[in-house]
Amino acid sequence: MGSVWRHHAKHLANLLGENDELKAHLYLEQLMLFPVDIQDKIIEDIAKLPRCNSDEIAEIINYYTSRV
């Protein structure tokens, strides 16, 4: 995972930290054209993280990128 994923992860974490789920969905949709159900899974997985940091979010995004 490179710095690009970490950058996207940091931005997504900021959106979720502001409780702006709509913007988070739009960001994921624009970023990788994820379907809505996958967006929900990504956001749900991030919400379950005990310590939300860019590396862990990047791992989640990477996981779903390889499955779509």
PDB file of N, CA and C in Angstrom:
ATOM      1  N   MET A   1       0.830  -1.159   0.000  1.00  0.00           N
ATOM      2  CA  MET A   1       0.000   0.000   0.000  1.00  0.00           C
ATOM      3  C   MET A   1       0.884   1.235   0.000  1.00  0.00           C
ATOM      4  N   GLY A   2       0.589   2.109  -0.897  1.00  0.00           N
ATOM      5  CA  GLY A   2       1.422   3.288  -1.017  1.00  0.00           C
ATOM      6  C   GLY A   2       0.831   4.509  -0.356  1.00  0.00           C
ATOM      7  N   SER A   3       1.514   5.606  -0.575  1.00  0.00           N
ATOM      8  CA  SER A   3       1.094   6.860   0.036  1.00  0.00           C
ATOM      9  C   SER A   3      -0.229   7.357  -0.535  1.00  0.00           C
ATOM     10  N   VAL A   4      -0.556   6.970  -1.751  1.00  0.00           N
ATOM     11  CA  VAL A   4      -1.820   7.391  -2.349  1.00  0.00           C
ATOM     12  C   VAL A   4      -2.999   6.856  -1.539  1.00  0.00           C
ATOM     13  N   TRP A   5      -2.946   5.538  -1.194  1.00  0.00           N
ATOM     14  CA  TRP A   5      -4.041   4.957  -0.394  1.00  0.00           C
ATOM     15  C   TRP A   5      -4.112   5.618   0.971  1.00  0.00           C
ATOM     16  N   ARG A   6      -2.957   5.893   1.568  1.00  0.00           N
ATOM     17  CA  ARG A   6      -2.973   6.539   2.886  1.00  0.00           C
ATOM     18  C   ARG A   6      -3.564   7.941   2.807  1.00  0.00           C
ATOM     19  N   HIS A   7      -3.277   8.652   1.714  1.00  0.00           N
ATOM     20  CA  HIS A   7      -3.853   9.993   1.537  1.00  0.00           C
ATOM     21  C   HIS A   7      -5.380   9.906   1.437  1.00  0.00           C
ATOM     22  N   HIS A   8      -5.858   8.988   0.604  1.00  0.00           N
ATOM     23  CA  HIS A   8      -7.311   8.819   0.466  1.00  0.00           C
ATOM     24  C   HIS A   8      -7.928   8.385   1.789  1.00  0.00           C
ATOM     25  N   ALA A   9      -7.234   7.518   2.503  1.00  0.00           N
ATOM     26  CA  ALA A   9      -7.731   7.039   3.794  1.00  0.00           C
ATOM     27  C   ALA A   9      -7.833   8.190   4.791  1.00  0.00           C
ATOM     28  N   LYS A  10      -6.847   9.067   4.801  1.00  0.00           N
ATOM     29  CA  LYS A  10      -6.874  10.204   5.729  1.00  0.00           C
ATOM     30  C   LYS A  10      -8.058  11.118   5.416  1.00  0.00           C
ATOM     31  N   HIS A  11      -8.288  11.360   4.138  1.00  0.00           N
ATOM     32  CA  HIS A  11      -9.417  12.215   3.754  1.00  0.00           C
ATOM     33  C   HIS A  11     -10.748  11.560   4.138  1.00  0.00           C
ATOM     34  N   LEU A  12     -10.860  10.274   3.895  1.00  0.00           N
ATOM     35  CA  LEU A  12     -12.083   9.552   4.253  1.00  0.00           C
ATOM     36  C   LEU A  12     -12.298   9.562   5.765  1.00  0.00           C
ATOM     37  N   ALA A  13     -11.228   9.391   6.526  1.00  0.00           N
ATOM     38  CA  ALA A  13     -11.333   9.439   7.989  1.00  0.00           C
ATOM     39  C   ALA A  13     -11.829  10.804   8.452  1.00  0.00           C
ATOM     40  N   ASN A  14     -11.373  11.861   7.815  1.00  0.00           N
ATOM     41  CA  ASN A  14     -11.841  13.204   8.174  1.00  0.00           C
ATOM     42  C   ASN A  14     -13.336  13.350   7.915  1.00  0.00           C
ATOM     43  N   LEU A  15     -13.795  12.848   6.772  1.00  0.00           N
ATOM     44  CA  LEU A  15     -15.225  12.924   6.460  1.00  0.00           C
ATOM     45  C   LEU A  15     -16.053  12.150   7.476  1.00  0.00           C
ATOM     46  N   LEU A  16     -15.577  10.961   7.836  1.00  0.00           N
ATOM     47  CA  LEU A  16     -16.311  10.151   8.806  1.00  0.00           C
ATOM     48  C   LEU A  16     -16.223  10.751  10.204  1.00  0.00           C
ATOM     49  N   GLY A  17     -15.105  11.384  10.513  1.00  0.00           N
ATOM     50  CA  GLY A  17     -14.954  12.043  11.805  1.00  0.00           C
ATOM     51  C   GLY A  17     -15.915  13.203  11.967  1.00  0.00           C
ATOM     52  N   GLU A  18     -16.273  13.804  10.854  1.00  0.00           N
ATOM     53  CA  GLU A  18     -17.247  14.907  10.868  1.00  0.00           C
ATOM     54  C   GLU A  18     -18.678  14.380  10.779  1.00  0.00           C
ATOM     55  N   ASN A  19     -18.829  13.057  10.824  1.00  0.00           N
ATOM     56  CA  ASN A  19     -20.140  12.402  10.707  1.00  0.00           C
ATOM     57  C   ASN A  19     -20.858  12.786   9.427  1.00  0.00           C
ATOM     58  N   ASP A  20     -20.092  12.940   8.356  1.00  0.00           N
ATOM     59  CA  ASP A  20     -20.675  13.284   7.062  1.00  0.00           C
ATOM     60  C   ASP A  20     -20.636  12.061   6.156  1.00  0.00           C
ATOM     61  N   GLU A  21     -21.546  11.145   6.437  1.00  0.00           N
ATOM     62  CA  GLU A  21     -21.568   9.880   5.719  1.00  0.00           C
ATOM     63  C   GLU A  21     -21.898  10.088   4.243  1.00  0.00           C
ATOM     64  N   LEU A  22     -22.730  11.073   3.926  1.00  0.00           N
ATOM     65  CA  LEU A  22     -23.074  11.331   2.532  1.00  0.00           C
ATOM     66  C   LEU A  22     -21.826  11.716   1.739  1.00  0.00           C
ATOM     67  N   LYS A  23     -21.021  12.623   2.283  1.00  0.00           N
ATOM     68  CA  LYS A  23     -19.792  13.010   1.592  1.00  0.00           C
ATOM     69  C   LYS A  23     -18.815  11.843   1.506  1.00  0.00           C
ATOM     70  N   ALA A  24     -18.805  11.004   2.531  1.00  0.00           N
ATOM     71  CA  ALA A  24     -17.939   9.827   2.497  1.00  0.00           C
ATOM     72  C   ALA A  24     -18.362   8.895   1.368  1.00  0.00           C
ATOM     73  N   HIS A  25     -19.669   8.689   1.214  1.00  0.00           N
ATOM     74  CA  HIS A  25     -20.171   7.861   0.120  1.00  0.00           C
ATOM     75  C   HIS A  25     -19.796   8.462  -1.228  1.00  0.00           C
ATOM     76  N   LEU A  26     -20.006   9.763  -1.371  1.00  0.00           N
ATOM     77  CA  LEU A  26     -19.684  10.420  -2.639  1.00  0.00           C
ATOM     78  C   LEU A  26     -18.190  10.338  -2.941  1.00  0.00           C
ATOM     79  N   TYR A  27     -17.372  10.485  -1.911  1.00  0.00           N
ATOM     80  CA  TYR A  27     -15.927  10.398  -2.093  1.00  0.00           C
ATOM     81  C   TYR A  27     -15.526   9.005  -2.579  1.00  0.00           C
ATOM     82  N   LEU A  28     -16.055   7.977  -1.938  1.00  0.00           N
ATOM     83  CA  LEU A  28     -15.745   6.609  -2.356  1.00  0.00           C
ATOM     84  C   LEU A  28     -16.248   6.332  -3.769  1.00  0.00           C
ATOM     85  N   GLU A  29     -17.410   6.873  -4.095  1.00  0.00           N
ATOM     86  CA  GLU A  29     -17.968   6.673  -5.422  1.00  0.00           C
ATOM     87  C   GLU A  29     -17.095   7.333  -6.484  1.00  0.00           C
ATOM     88  N   GLN A  30     -16.649   8.544  -6.220  1.00  0.00           N
ATOM     89  CA  GLN A  30     -15.795   9.251  -7.173  1.00  0.00           C
ATOM     90  C   GLN A  30     -14.403   8.643  -7.232  1.00  0.00           C
ATOM     91  N   LEU A  31     -13.911   8.225  -6.095  1.00  0.00           N
ATOM     92  CA  LEU A  31     -12.553   7.705  -6.010  1.00  0.00           C
ATOM     93  C   LEU A  31     -12.379   6.416  -6.806  1.00  0.00           C
ATOM     94  N   MET A  32     -13.276   5.467  -6.598  1.00  0.00           N
ATOM     95  CA  MET A  32     -13.070   4.151  -7.195  1.00  0.00           C
ATOM     96  C   MET A  32     -14.321   3.557  -7.811  1.00  0.00           C
ATOM     97  N   LEU A  33     -15.354   4.352  -7.931  1.00  0.00           N
ATOM     98  CA  LEU A  33     -16.607   3.875  -8.500  1.00  0.00           C
ATOM     99  C   LEU A  33     -17.132   2.634  -7.795  1.00  0.00           C
ATOM    100  N   PHE A  34     -17.025   2.637  -6.458  1.00  0.00           N
ATOM    101  CA  PHE A  34     -17.573   1.537  -5.673  1.00  0.00           C
ATOM    102  C   PHE A  34     -19.092   1.582  -5.714  1.00  0.00           C
ATOM    103  N   PRO A  35     -19.733   0.427  -5.840  1.00  0.00           N
ATOM    104  CA  PRO A  35     -21.191   0.392  -5.702  1.00  0.00           C
ATOM    105  C   PRO A  35     -21.586   0.762  -4.269  1.00  0.00           C
ATOM    106  N   VAL A  36     -22.812   1.194  -4.111  1.00  0.00           N
ATOM    107  CA  VAL A  36     -23.289   1.669  -2.807  1.00  0.00           C
ATOM    108  C   VAL A  36     -23.160   0.606  -1.727  1.00  0.00           C
ATOM    109  N   ASP A  37     -23.446  -0.647  -2.047  1.00  0.00           N
ATOM    110  CA  ASP A  37     -23.362  -1.686  -1.011  1.00  0.00           C
ATOM    111  C   ASP A  37     -21.925  -1.867  -0.527  1.00  0.00           C
ATOM    112  N   ILE A  38     -20.947  -1.724  -1.412  1.00  0.00           N
ATOM    113  CA  ILE A  38     -19.550  -1.828  -1.014  1.00  0.00           C
ATOM    114  C   ILE A  38     -19.147  -0.597  -0.204  1.00  0.00           C
ATOM    115  N   GLN A  39     -19.647   0.566  -0.588  1.00  0.00           N
ATOM    116  CA  GLN A  39     -19.383   1.780   0.187  1.00  0.00           C
ATOM    117  C   GLN A  39     -19.852   1.598   1.616  1.00  0.00           C
ATOM    118  N   ASP A  40     -21.052   1.040   1.776  1.00  0.00           N
ATOM    119  CA  ASP A  40     -21.590   0.796   3.115  1.00  0.00           C
ATOM    120  C   ASP A  40     -20.687  -0.140   3.914  1.00  0.00           C
ATOM    121  N   LYS A  41     -20.187  -1.188   3.254  1.00  0.00           N
ATOM    122  CA  LYS A  41     -19.311  -2.135   3.944  1.00  0.00           C
ATOM    123  C   LYS A  41     -18.001  -1.474   4.371  1.00  0.00           C
ATOM    124  N   ILE A  42     -17.447  -0.644   3.498  1.00  0.00           N
ATOM    125  CA  ILE A  42     -16.200   0.062   3.840  1.00  0.00           C
ATOM    126  C   ILE A  42     -16.420   0.964   5.043  1.00  0.00           C
ATOM    127  N   ILE A  43     -17.483   1.743   5.012  1.00  0.00           N
ATOM    128  CA  ILE A  43     -17.767   2.665   6.118  1.00  0.00           C
ATOM    129  C   ILE A  43     -18.063   1.891   7.394  1.00  0.00           C
ATOM    130  N   GLU A  44     -18.785   0.791   7.285  1.00  0.00           N
ATOM    131  CA  GLU A  44     -19.082  -0.042   8.456  1.00  0.00           C
ATOM    132  C   GLU A  44     -17.798  -0.631   9.045  1.00  0.00           C
ATOM    133  N   ASP A  45     -16.915  -1.126   8.182  1.00  0.00           N
ATOM    134  CA  ASP A  45     -15.643  -1.687   8.660  1.00  0.00           C
ATOM    135  C   ASP A  45     -14.778  -0.631   9.329  1.00  0.00           C
ATOM    136  N   ILE A  46     -14.776   0.565   8.780  1.00  0.00           N
ATOM    137  CA  ILE A  46     -14.007   1.664   9.384  1.00  0.00           C
ATOM    138  C   ILE A  46     -14.585   2.016  10.740  1.00  0.00           C
ATOM    139  N   ALA A  47     -15.909   2.037  10.842  1.00  0.00           N
ATOM    140  CA  ALA A  47     -16.565   2.381  12.108  1.00  0.00           C
ATOM    141  C   ALA A  47     -16.246   1.367  13.205  1.00  0.00           C
ATOM    142  N   LYS A  48     -15.931   0.136  12.834  1.00  0.00           N
ATOM    143  CA  LYS A  48     -15.626  -0.906  13.812  1.00  0.00           C
ATOM    144  C   LYS A  48     -14.179  -0.890  14.290  1.00  0.00           C
ATOM    145  N   LEU A  49     -13.332  -0.081  13.660  1.00  0.00           N
ATOM    146  CA  LEU A  49     -11.918  -0.052  14.045  1.00  0.00           C
ATOM    147  C   LEU A  49     -11.762   0.493  15.457  1.00  0.00           C
ATOM    148  N   PRO A  50     -10.976  -0.177  16.293  1.00  0.00           N
ATOM    149  CA  PRO A  50     -10.764   0.326  17.647  1.00  0.00           C
ATOM    150  C   PRO A  50      -9.954   1.626  17.655  1.00  0.00           C
ATOM    151  N   ARG A  51      -8.996   1.706  16.763  1.00  0.00           N
ATOM    152  CA  ARG A  51      -8.199   2.935  16.605  1.00  0.00           C
ATOM    153  C   ARG A  51      -8.189   3.276  15.128  1.00  0.00           C
ATOM    154  N   CYS A  52      -8.904   4.299  14.783  1.00  0.00           N
ATOM    155  CA  CYS A  52      -9.060   4.671  13.383  1.00  0.00           C
ATOM    156  C   CYS A  52      -7.844   5.468  12.930  1.00  0.00           C
ATOM    157  N   ASN A  53      -6.996   4.851  12.106  1.00  0.00           N
ATOM    158  CA  ASN A  53      -5.871   5.600  11.552  1.00  0.00           C
ATOM    159  C   ASN A  53      -5.796   5.347  10.048  1.00  0.00           C
ATOM    160  N   SER A  54      -5.027   6.161   9.361  1.00  0.00           N
ATOM    161  CA  SER A  54      -4.963   6.110   7.902  1.00  0.00           C
ATOM    162  C   SER A  54      -4.497   4.762   7.374  1.00  0.00           C
ATOM    163  N   ASP A  55      -3.543   4.130   8.049  1.00  0.00           N
ATOM    164  CA  ASP A  55      -3.047   2.844   7.578  1.00  0.00           C
ATOM    165  C   ASP A  55      -4.129   1.770   7.616  1.00  0.00           C
ATOM    166  N   GLU A  56      -4.900   1.731   8.689  1.00  0.00           N
ATOM    167  CA  GLU A  56      -5.960   0.726   8.797  1.00  0.00           C
ATOM    168  C   GLU A  56      -7.078   0.990   7.782  1.00  0.00           C
ATOM    169  N   ILE A  57      -7.408   2.252   7.580  1.00  0.00           N
ATOM    170  CA  ILE A  57      -8.434   2.594   6.586  1.00  0.00           C
ATOM    171  C   ILE A  57      -7.939   2.239   5.192  1.00  0.00           C
ATOM    172  N   ALA A  58      -6.673   2.516   4.918  1.00  0.00           N
ATOM    173  CA  ALA A  58      -6.094   2.183   3.616  1.00  0.00           C
ATOM    174  C   ALA A  58      -6.145   0.672   3.375  1.00  0.00           C
ATOM    175  N   GLU A  59      -5.920  -0.114   4.413  1.00  0.00           N
ATOM    176  CA  GLU A  59      -6.003  -1.577   4.277  1.00  0.00           C
ATOM    177  C   GLU A  59      -7.421  -2.011   3.913  1.00  0.00           C
ATOM    178  N   ILE A  60      -8.405  -1.388   4.528  1.00  0.00           N
ATOM    179  CA  ILE A  60      -9.804  -1.713   4.230  1.00  0.00           C
ATOM    180  C   ILE A  60     -10.122  -1.353   2.776  1.00  0.00           C
ATOM    181  N   ILE A  61      -9.732  -0.158   2.347  1.00  0.00           N
ATOM    182  CA  ILE A  61      -9.985   0.257   0.964  1.00  0.00           C
ATOM    183  C   ILE A  61      -9.290  -0.690  -0.007  1.00  0.00           C
ATOM    184  N   ASN A  62      -8.060  -1.034   0.303  1.00  0.00           N
ATOM    185  CA  ASN A  62      -7.298  -1.951  -0.545  1.00  0.00           C
ATOM    186  C   ASN A  62      -8.002  -3.297  -0.635  1.00  0.00           C
ATOM    187  N   TYR A  63      -8.518  -3.794   0.482  1.00  0.00           N
ATOM    188  CA  TYR A  63      -9.217  -5.080   0.512  1.00  0.00           C
ATOM    189  C   TYR A  63     -10.414  -5.056  -0.444  1.00  0.00           C
ATOM    190  N   TYR A  64     -11.241  -4.025  -0.350  1.00  0.00           N
ATOM    191  CA  TYR A  64     -12.421  -3.971  -1.189  1.00  0.00           C
ATOM    192  C   TYR A  64     -12.086  -3.653  -2.645  1.00  0.00           C
ATOM    193  N   THR A  65     -10.995  -2.953  -2.880  1.00  0.00           N
ATOM    194  CA  THR A  65     -10.569  -2.686  -4.246  1.00  0.00           C
ATOM    195  C   THR A  65     -10.219  -3.988  -4.961  1.00  0.00           C
ATOM    196  N   SER A  66      -9.617  -4.896  -4.236  1.00  0.00           N
ATOM    197  CA  SER A  66      -9.221  -6.168  -4.857  1.00  0.00           C
ATOM    198  C   SER A  66     -10.402  -7.104  -5.053  1.00  0.00           C
ATOM    199  N   ARG A  67     -11.534  -6.813  -4.414  1.00  0.00           N
ATOM    200  CA  ARG A  67     -12.707  -7.689  -4.513  1.00  0.00           C
ATOM    201  C   ARG A  67     -13.727  -7.194  -5.526  1.00  0.00           C
ATOM    202  N   VAL A  68     -13.607  -5.956  -5.964  1.00  0.00           N
ATOM    203  CA  VAL A  68     -14.607  -5.393  -6.892  1.00  0.00           C
ATOM    204  C   VAL A  68     -14.176  -5.616  -8.310  1.00  0.00           C
TER     205      VAL A  68
END
